[in-house]
Amino acid sequence: MTENPYYRRALEALFGAPVNLAERGPCRLCGRSSQSARPGLFYCHGCCVLAGNGVLRDTGVDGAWTKAIVYALRRLAEIEFSGPPSLTQLDRVCVPSEDHALVDEVMLCRFLVPRPGSALLSTRPTRPARTWTEWLAHAGLLTDGLRTSMGTATTATDGHPCRSLFERHVDDFLHHWGVAHEPEPAYPRHPELNTTGLRADWRLADGTFVEALGLMTKEAYAAKVARKRELARHHGLRLVTVTAEDLDRLPEVFADWLPKDSTG
């Protein structure tokens, strides 16, 4: 059988591991011949595409399909992300690969989640197509959110305050995977680099500082981040930075702190 490079890329992107070219088996969701990027997890190209693009479209008229989306979003928030997922997080399956039934469920939930730009409005829509944030709010996942100039201020699953949904995604990931993290730790003082009481977003149990970098296009914010980097270097602190582009690879970013059997 000729190898399909699109299939291989889709499967590897979902599971963050290379496809085992020597092993084939029936797709766990539809039964078609498939390959795997994790032991025992066979998913065909068609099911990978459906997980990546979804099968439902926002028609502008709510009905049973809306309830299916709400159910899927709530299940993903409960069993995979410990909070509302970002669109970027849906690109990577983030549950233990040895729990095959759980992986099946989060794959199927992705089928039911509409992606932005996929709206197919009816001839008589009763509302505009919802944005991703509006879908999360409609599913009741942003009930404590407050819009600010920095983003949507909200509370993480473990009670930690977050200034944006981006911060909440990272905090919920750490909570979901049992990585101890202290919010808002103070950086050491320095007569030039830290005269204003700079704080990081989190400190891990081994003293590693973590920063979620969300506003790097703003000059003042970027300058503050540069001072924090230099401050960490000066004091010999390990500093991990996370950007929005990293949300689909958090298991890799925090691999040193995850249980060894959880990353493959």
Protein backbone atom coordinates (compact mmCIF):
# COMPACT_ATOMS: atom_id res chain seq x y z
CA MET A 1 0.00 0.00 0.00
CA THR A 2 1.36 3.44 -0.99
CA GLU A 3 2.06 5.63 1.99
CA ASN A 4 -0.17 8.72 2.32
CA PRO A 5 1.98 11.58 3.65
CA TYR A 6 -1.10 13.63 4.62
CA TYR A 7 -2.39 10.74 6.72
CA ARG A 8 0.96 10.30 8.38
CA ARG A 9 1.23 14.00 9.26
CA ALA A 10 -2.32 14.10 10.62
CA LEU A 11 -1.78 11.05 12.83
CA GLU A 12 1.60 12.22 14.12
CA ALA A 13 0.21 15.70 14.86
CA LEU A 14 -2.66 14.27 16.92
CA PHE A 15 -0.45 12.04 19.05
CA GLY A 16 2.94 13.75 18.96
CA ALA A 17 4.84 10.61 17.97
CA PRO A 18 6.09 9.04 14.71
CA VAL A 19 3.85 6.56 12.93
CA ASN A 20 4.86 2.91 13.24
CA LEU A 21 5.08 2.01 9.56
CA ALA A 22 5.48 -1.69 10.28
CA GLU A 23 2.22 -2.05 12.18
CA ARG A 24 -1.34 -1.91 10.88
CA GLY A 25 -4.70 -2.69 12.42
CA PRO A 26 -8.41 -1.83 12.23
CA CYS A 27 -9.37 1.75 13.09
CA ARG A 28 -10.78 1.82 16.60
CA LEU A 29 -13.61 4.10 15.47
CA CYS A 30 -14.69 2.80 12.06
CA GLY A 31 -12.81 -0.47 11.44
CA ARG A 32 -10.87 0.58 8.33
CA SER A 33 -7.23 -0.40 7.92
CA SER A 34 -5.10 2.00 9.91
CA GLN A 35 -1.70 2.82 11.36
CA SER A 36 -0.76 4.02 14.83
CA ALA A 37 1.47 6.64 16.46
CA ARG A 38 0.95 5.13 19.92
CA PRO A 39 0.84 1.39 20.76
CA GLY A 40 -2.60 -0.05 20.12
CA LEU A 41 -4.17 3.24 19.02
CA PHE A 42 -5.14 2.68 15.38
CA TYR A 43 -7.05 5.51 13.69
CA CYS A 44 -7.59 5.80 9.94
CA HIS A 45 -6.98 8.89 7.85
CA GLY A 46 -10.69 9.68 7.60
CA CYS A 47 -11.16 9.66 11.36
CA CYS A 48 -8.03 11.80 11.87
CA VAL A 49 -9.44 14.36 9.42
CA LEU A 50 -12.82 14.38 11.20
CA ALA A 51 -11.09 14.85 14.54
CA GLY A 52 -9.14 17.77 13.09
CA ASN A 53 -12.00 19.49 11.24
CA GLY A 54 -15.18 18.35 12.95
CA VAL A 55 -18.33 17.09 11.27
CA LEU A 56 -20.82 19.70 12.53
CA ARG A 57 -21.31 23.20 11.14
CA ASP A 58 -22.85 26.22 12.81
CA THR A 59 -26.11 26.81 10.91
CA GLY A 60 -27.25 29.79 12.95
CA VAL A 61 -30.27 27.81 14.11
CA ASP A 62 -29.92 25.86 17.34
CA GLY A 63 -31.21 22.34 17.70
CA ALA A 64 -30.14 18.83 18.73
CA TRP A 65 -26.77 19.37 17.06
CA THR A 66 -26.13 22.31 19.42
CA LYS A 67 -26.67 20.04 22.42
CA ALA A 68 -24.16 17.59 20.94
CA ILE A 69 -21.53 20.36 20.69
CA VAL A 70 -22.19 21.49 24.26
CA TYR A 71 -21.85 17.90 25.47
CA ALA A 72 -18.57 17.41 23.60
CA LEU A 73 -17.07 20.65 24.90
CA ARG A 74 -18.04 19.83 28.47
CA ARG A 75 -16.60 16.32 28.23
CA LEU A 76 -13.31 17.61 26.80
CA ALA A 77 -13.11 20.19 29.59
CA GLU A 78 -13.79 17.48 32.18
CA ILE A 79 -11.74 14.49 31.04
CA GLU A 80 -8.90 15.99 29.00
CA PHE A 81 -8.12 19.60 29.88
CA SER A 82 -9.61 20.23 33.35
CA GLY A 83 -11.09 23.43 31.94
CA PRO A 84 -12.21 25.05 28.67
CA PRO A 85 -9.89 24.05 25.82
CA SER A 86 -8.45 26.45 23.30
CA LEU A 87 -8.74 25.62 19.63
CA THR A 88 -4.99 25.06 19.47
CA GLN A 89 -5.19 22.47 22.25
CA LEU A 90 -7.56 20.36 20.14
CA ASP A 91 -4.71 19.73 17.70
CA ARG A 92 -3.06 17.28 20.13
CA VAL A 93 -4.70 14.46 22.08
CA CYS A 94 -3.70 15.06 25.68
CA VAL A 95 -4.83 12.03 27.69
CA PRO A 96 -2.76 8.99 28.75
CA SER A 97 -2.28 6.86 25.64
CA GLU A 98 -2.60 3.61 27.58
CA ASP A 99 -6.27 4.41 28.35
CA HIS A 100 -7.60 3.43 24.92
CA ALA A 101 -11.28 3.97 25.71
CA LEU A 102 -10.56 7.50 26.94
CA VAL A 103 -8.59 8.29 23.78
CA ASP A 104 -11.53 7.01 21.71
CA GLU A 105 -13.88 9.33 23.59
CA VAL A 106 -11.78 12.48 23.18
CA MET A 107 -11.36 11.68 19.48
CA LEU A 108 -15.13 11.36 19.05
CA CYS A 109 -15.72 14.56 21.01
CA ARG A 110 -13.48 16.36 18.51
CA PHE A 111 -15.80 15.14 15.74
CA LEU A 112 -18.63 17.15 17.33
CA VAL A 113 -16.78 20.44 17.81
CA PRO A 114 -17.25 22.99 14.99
CA ARG A 115 -14.18 24.95 13.90
CA PRO A 116 -14.20 28.70 13.15
CA GLY A 117 -14.82 29.46 9.50
CA SER A 118 -16.84 26.27 9.05
CA ALA A 119 -20.23 27.92 9.57
CA LEU A 120 -22.92 26.91 7.07
CA LEU A 121 -25.73 29.35 7.85
CA SER A 122 -29.27 28.37 6.92
CA THR A 123 -31.44 30.57 4.69
CA ARG A 124 -33.10 31.93 7.84
CA PRO A 125 -30.49 31.99 10.60
CA THR A 126 -31.72 33.17 13.99
CA ARG A 127 -28.27 34.35 15.12
CA PRO A 128 -24.74 34.95 13.78
CA ALA A 129 -22.28 32.08 13.78
CA ARG A 130 -20.68 31.75 17.22
CA THR A 131 -17.00 32.41 17.81
CA TRP A 132 -14.95 29.88 19.78
CA THR A 133 -15.21 31.95 22.96
CA GLU A 134 -18.97 32.20 22.47
CA TRP A 135 -19.22 28.42 22.12
CA LEU A 136 -17.29 27.97 25.37
CA ALA A 137 -19.61 30.46 27.07
CA HIS A 138 -22.69 28.74 25.59
CA ALA A 139 -21.44 25.46 27.07
CA GLY A 140 -21.22 27.10 30.49
CA LEU A 141 -17.44 26.88 30.63
CA LEU A 142 -16.76 30.61 31.05
CA THR A 143 -19.28 31.48 33.73
CA ASP A 144 -16.64 33.21 35.86
CA GLY A 145 -14.91 35.03 33.03
CA LEU A 146 -14.42 38.81 33.10
CA ARG A 147 -13.20 40.71 30.05
CA THR A 148 -10.22 42.98 30.70
CA SER A 149 -7.64 44.75 28.54
CA MET A 150 -5.34 41.76 29.16
CA GLY A 151 -7.93 39.14 28.08
CA THR A 152 -10.60 37.16 29.89
CA ALA A 153 -9.80 37.03 33.59
CA THR A 154 -11.01 33.74 35.02
CA THR A 155 -10.35 31.16 37.71
CA ALA A 156 -8.54 27.90 36.95
CA THR A 157 -9.91 24.53 38.03
CA ASP A 158 -7.64 24.49 41.09
CA GLY A 159 -8.77 27.97 42.16
CA HIS A 160 -5.76 29.89 40.85
CA PRO A 161 -6.68 33.31 39.37
CA CYS A 162 -5.68 33.73 35.72
CA ARG A 163 -5.53 36.96 33.73
CA SER A 164 -6.41 35.30 30.43
CA LEU A 165 -7.80 32.11 28.97
CA PHE A 166 -4.27 31.36 27.75
CA GLU A 167 -2.99 31.37 31.36
CA ARG A 168 -5.92 29.24 32.41
CA HIS A 169 -5.15 26.64 29.74
CA VAL A 170 -1.59 26.29 31.07
CA ASP A 171 -2.68 26.23 34.72
CA ASP A 172 -5.37 23.64 34.02
CA PHE A 173 -2.85 21.49 32.14
CA LEU A 174 -0.48 21.51 35.13
CA HIS A 175 -3.37 20.69 37.47
CA HIS A 176 -4.70 17.93 35.19
CA TRP A 177 -1.30 16.22 35.09
CA GLY A 178 -0.56 16.63 38.79
CA VAL A 179 2.34 19.06 38.35
CA ALA A 180 2.61 21.12 41.56
CA HIS A 181 2.64 24.82 40.69
CA GLU A 182 2.57 27.98 42.80
CA PRO A 183 1.03 31.04 41.11
CA GLU A 184 2.60 34.51 41.10
CA PRO A 185 5.99 33.76 42.75
CA ALA A 186 8.30 36.73 43.24
CA TYR A 187 11.58 36.95 41.37
CA PRO A 188 14.68 37.68 43.48
CA ARG A 189 15.38 41.34 43.95
CA HIS A 190 18.10 43.05 41.91
CA PRO A 191 19.25 46.69 42.09
CA GLU A 192 18.86 47.16 38.32
CA LEU A 193 16.82 44.30 36.85
CA ASN A 194 14.14 44.04 39.51
CA THR A 195 13.31 47.19 41.42
CA THR A 196 9.51 46.86 41.05
CA GLY A 197 8.82 43.39 42.47
CA LEU A 198 8.58 41.33 39.28
CA ARG A 199 6.60 38.10 39.50
CA ALA A 200 6.45 34.99 37.32
CA ASP A 201 3.22 33.24 36.39
CA TRP A 202 4.10 30.00 38.25
CA ARG A 203 6.89 28.28 40.16
CA LEU A 204 7.16 24.49 39.99
CA ALA A 205 8.15 22.29 42.92
CA ASP A 206 11.82 22.17 41.90
CA GLY A 207 12.06 25.97 41.74
CA THR A 208 11.57 26.30 37.98
CA PHE A 209 9.83 29.53 36.99
CA VAL A 210 7.19 29.45 34.24
CA GLU A 211 5.99 32.38 32.14
CA ALA A 212 2.98 32.36 29.79
CA LEU A 213 3.94 34.90 27.11
CA GLY A 214 0.77 36.33 25.64
CA LEU A 215 1.48 39.96 24.69
CA MET A 216 4.90 39.90 23.06
CA THR A 217 3.77 42.35 20.36
CA LYS A 218 3.53 45.07 23.03
CA GLU A 219 6.87 46.82 23.50
CA ALA A 220 6.56 47.39 27.26
CA TYR A 221 5.53 43.78 27.86
CA ALA A 222 8.37 42.41 25.74
CA ALA A 223 10.86 44.60 27.62
CA LYS A 224 9.61 43.26 30.95
CA VAL A 225 9.99 39.69 29.67
CA ALA A 226 13.55 40.49 28.61
CA ARG A 227 14.32 41.71 32.15
CA LYS A 228 12.84 38.53 33.60
CA ARG A 229 14.99 36.37 31.31
CA GLU A 230 18.12 38.26 32.33
CA LEU A 231 17.10 38.12 35.98
CA ALA A 232 16.64 34.34 35.81
CA ARG A 233 20.03 33.97 34.09
CA HIS A 234 21.73 36.17 36.68
CA HIS A 235 20.37 34.13 39.61
CA GLY A 236 20.76 30.74 37.92
CA LEU A 237 17.02 30.08 37.82
CA ARG A 238 15.52 27.67 35.32
CA LEU A 239 12.88 29.52 33.30
CA VAL A 240 10.31 27.88 31.01
CA THR A 241 8.36 30.13 28.65
CA VAL A 242 5.12 29.13 26.93
CA THR A 243 3.46 30.88 23.98
CA ALA A 244 0.03 30.33 22.45
CA GLU A 245 1.71 28.30 19.71
CA ASP A 246 2.86 25.85 22.41
CA LEU A 247 -0.64 24.95 23.61
CA ASP A 248 -0.80 21.86 21.38
CA ARG A 249 2.57 20.62 22.69
CA LEU A 250 2.37 21.21 26.44
CA PRO A 251 3.27 17.55 27.17
CA GLU A 252 6.58 18.20 25.41
CA VAL A 253 7.17 21.58 27.08
CA PHE A 254 6.61 20.07 30.54
CA ALA A 255 7.94 16.58 29.81
CA ASP A 256 10.52 16.84 32.62
CA TRP A 257 7.75 17.18 35.22
CA LEU A 258 5.18 14.65 33.90
CA PRO A 259 4.99 11.00 34.96
CA LYS A 260 7.38 9.13 32.67
CA ASP A 261 4.65 6.81 31.31
CA SER A 262 2.39 9.71 30.32
CA THR A 263 4.51 11.09 27.45
CA GLY A 264 4.83 7.95 25.43
